[in-house]
Protein backbone atom coordinates (compact mmCIF):
# COMPACT_ATOMS: atom_id res chain seq x y z
CA MET A 1 2.86 -8.61 -0.52
CA THR A 2 4.62 -9.12 2.80
CA CYS A 3 4.64 -12.80 3.70
CA GLN A 4 4.39 -14.54 0.29
CA ARG A 5 1.78 -16.99 1.56
CA HIS A 6 -1.21 -17.94 -0.56
CA TYR A 7 -4.70 -17.36 0.83
CA LEU A 8 -8.28 -17.55 -0.31
CA ILE A 9 -9.69 -14.14 -1.18
CA LYS A 10 -11.54 -13.94 2.15
CA GLY A 11 -8.20 -14.07 3.99
CA ILE A 12 -6.77 -11.10 2.11
CA ASP A 13 -6.86 -7.38 2.93
CA ALA A 14 -6.21 -4.45 0.63
CA GLY A 15 -2.86 -3.50 2.13
CA HIS A 16 -1.91 0.14 1.61
CA PHE A 17 1.78 1.05 1.32
CA ILE A 18 1.03 4.67 2.23
CA GLN A 19 -1.74 4.75 4.84
CA ARG A 20 -5.27 5.67 3.72
CA GLU A 21 -5.23 8.86 5.79
CA HIS A 22 -3.03 10.40 3.08
CA LEU A 23 -5.70 11.28 0.52
CA ALA A 24 -3.29 11.90 -2.36
CA THR A 25 -2.31 8.22 -2.43
CA ARG A 26 -5.53 6.59 -1.21
CA TYR A 27 -6.74 5.62 -4.70
CA GLU A 28 -3.36 5.19 -6.41
CA ARG A 29 -3.26 1.77 -8.08
CA ASN A 30 0.31 1.01 -7.06
CA ASN A 31 -0.34 1.94 -3.44
CA VAL A 32 -2.73 -0.97 -2.76
CA TRP A 33 -1.76 -4.64 -3.01
CA PRO A 34 -3.08 -7.91 -1.57
CA GLN A 35 -1.80 -8.49 1.92
CA CYS A 36 -2.68 -11.21 4.42
CA ARG A 37 -4.86 -10.01 7.26
CA HIS A 38 -2.35 -11.01 9.91
CA CYS A 39 0.46 -8.89 8.43
CA ASN A 40 -1.86 -5.97 7.67
CA ARG A 41 -3.80 -5.83 10.93
CA TYR A 42 -1.55 -7.30 13.60
CA LYS A 43 1.96 -6.61 12.37
CA GLY A 44 1.43 -2.97 11.39
CA GLY A 45 1.56 -3.74 7.68
CA ARG A 46 5.23 -4.78 7.91
CA HIS A 47 6.15 -1.55 6.14
CA SER A 48 9.85 -2.23 5.50
CA VAL A 49 9.11 -5.64 3.93
CA TYR A 50 6.21 -4.13 1.96
CA ARG A 51 8.52 -1.39 0.63
CA ASP A 52 11.18 -3.89 -0.48
CA GLU A 53 8.60 -6.07 -2.25
CA LEU A 54 6.95 -3.04 -3.83
CA ILE A 55 10.30 -1.93 -5.27
CA LYS A 56 10.69 -5.39 -6.83
CA THR A 57 7.15 -5.16 -8.25
CA VAL A 58 6.82 -1.58 -9.52
CA GLY A 59 10.34 -0.15 -9.30
CA ARG A 60 12.17 2.28 -7.05
CA GLU A 61 11.04 5.37 -8.98
CA GLU A 62 7.35 4.54 -8.47
CA VAL A 63 7.84 3.83 -4.76
CA GLU A 64 9.65 7.14 -4.30
CA ARG A 65 6.87 8.92 -6.25
CA LEU A 66 4.27 7.47 -3.87
CA GLU A 67 6.34 8.47 -0.85
CA LYS A 68 6.51 12.09 -2.09
CA LEU A 69 2.86 12.15 -3.17
CA LYS A 70 1.63 11.48 0.36
CA TYR A 71 2.62 15.04 1.35
CA GLU A 72 0.43 16.69 -1.30
CA THR A 73 -2.86 18.26 -0.29
CA VAL A 74 -5.91 16.85 -2.04
CA ILE A 75 -9.49 18.03 -1.71
CA PHE A 76 -12.26 15.85 -3.08
CA ALA A 77 -15.27 17.74 -4.35
CA ARG A 78 -18.45 16.74 -6.10
CA SER A 79 -18.75 18.03 -9.63
């Protein structure tokens, strides 16, 4: 998502646009995309590049929805 390089699956992380600590977006499909380990782990996820590429991929409205969703409170409970 951030460097446009091609890697084998073992060189890829699940890069989260909105960090996993925000439970409301943790399992959102459009919040997680393949990202090389170097960008994800050592370059802080390259958030501004990730955002620009995500807009190209899913659209500005979806990106803005994810950005707002991170502020919602979610409680996971067993049913």
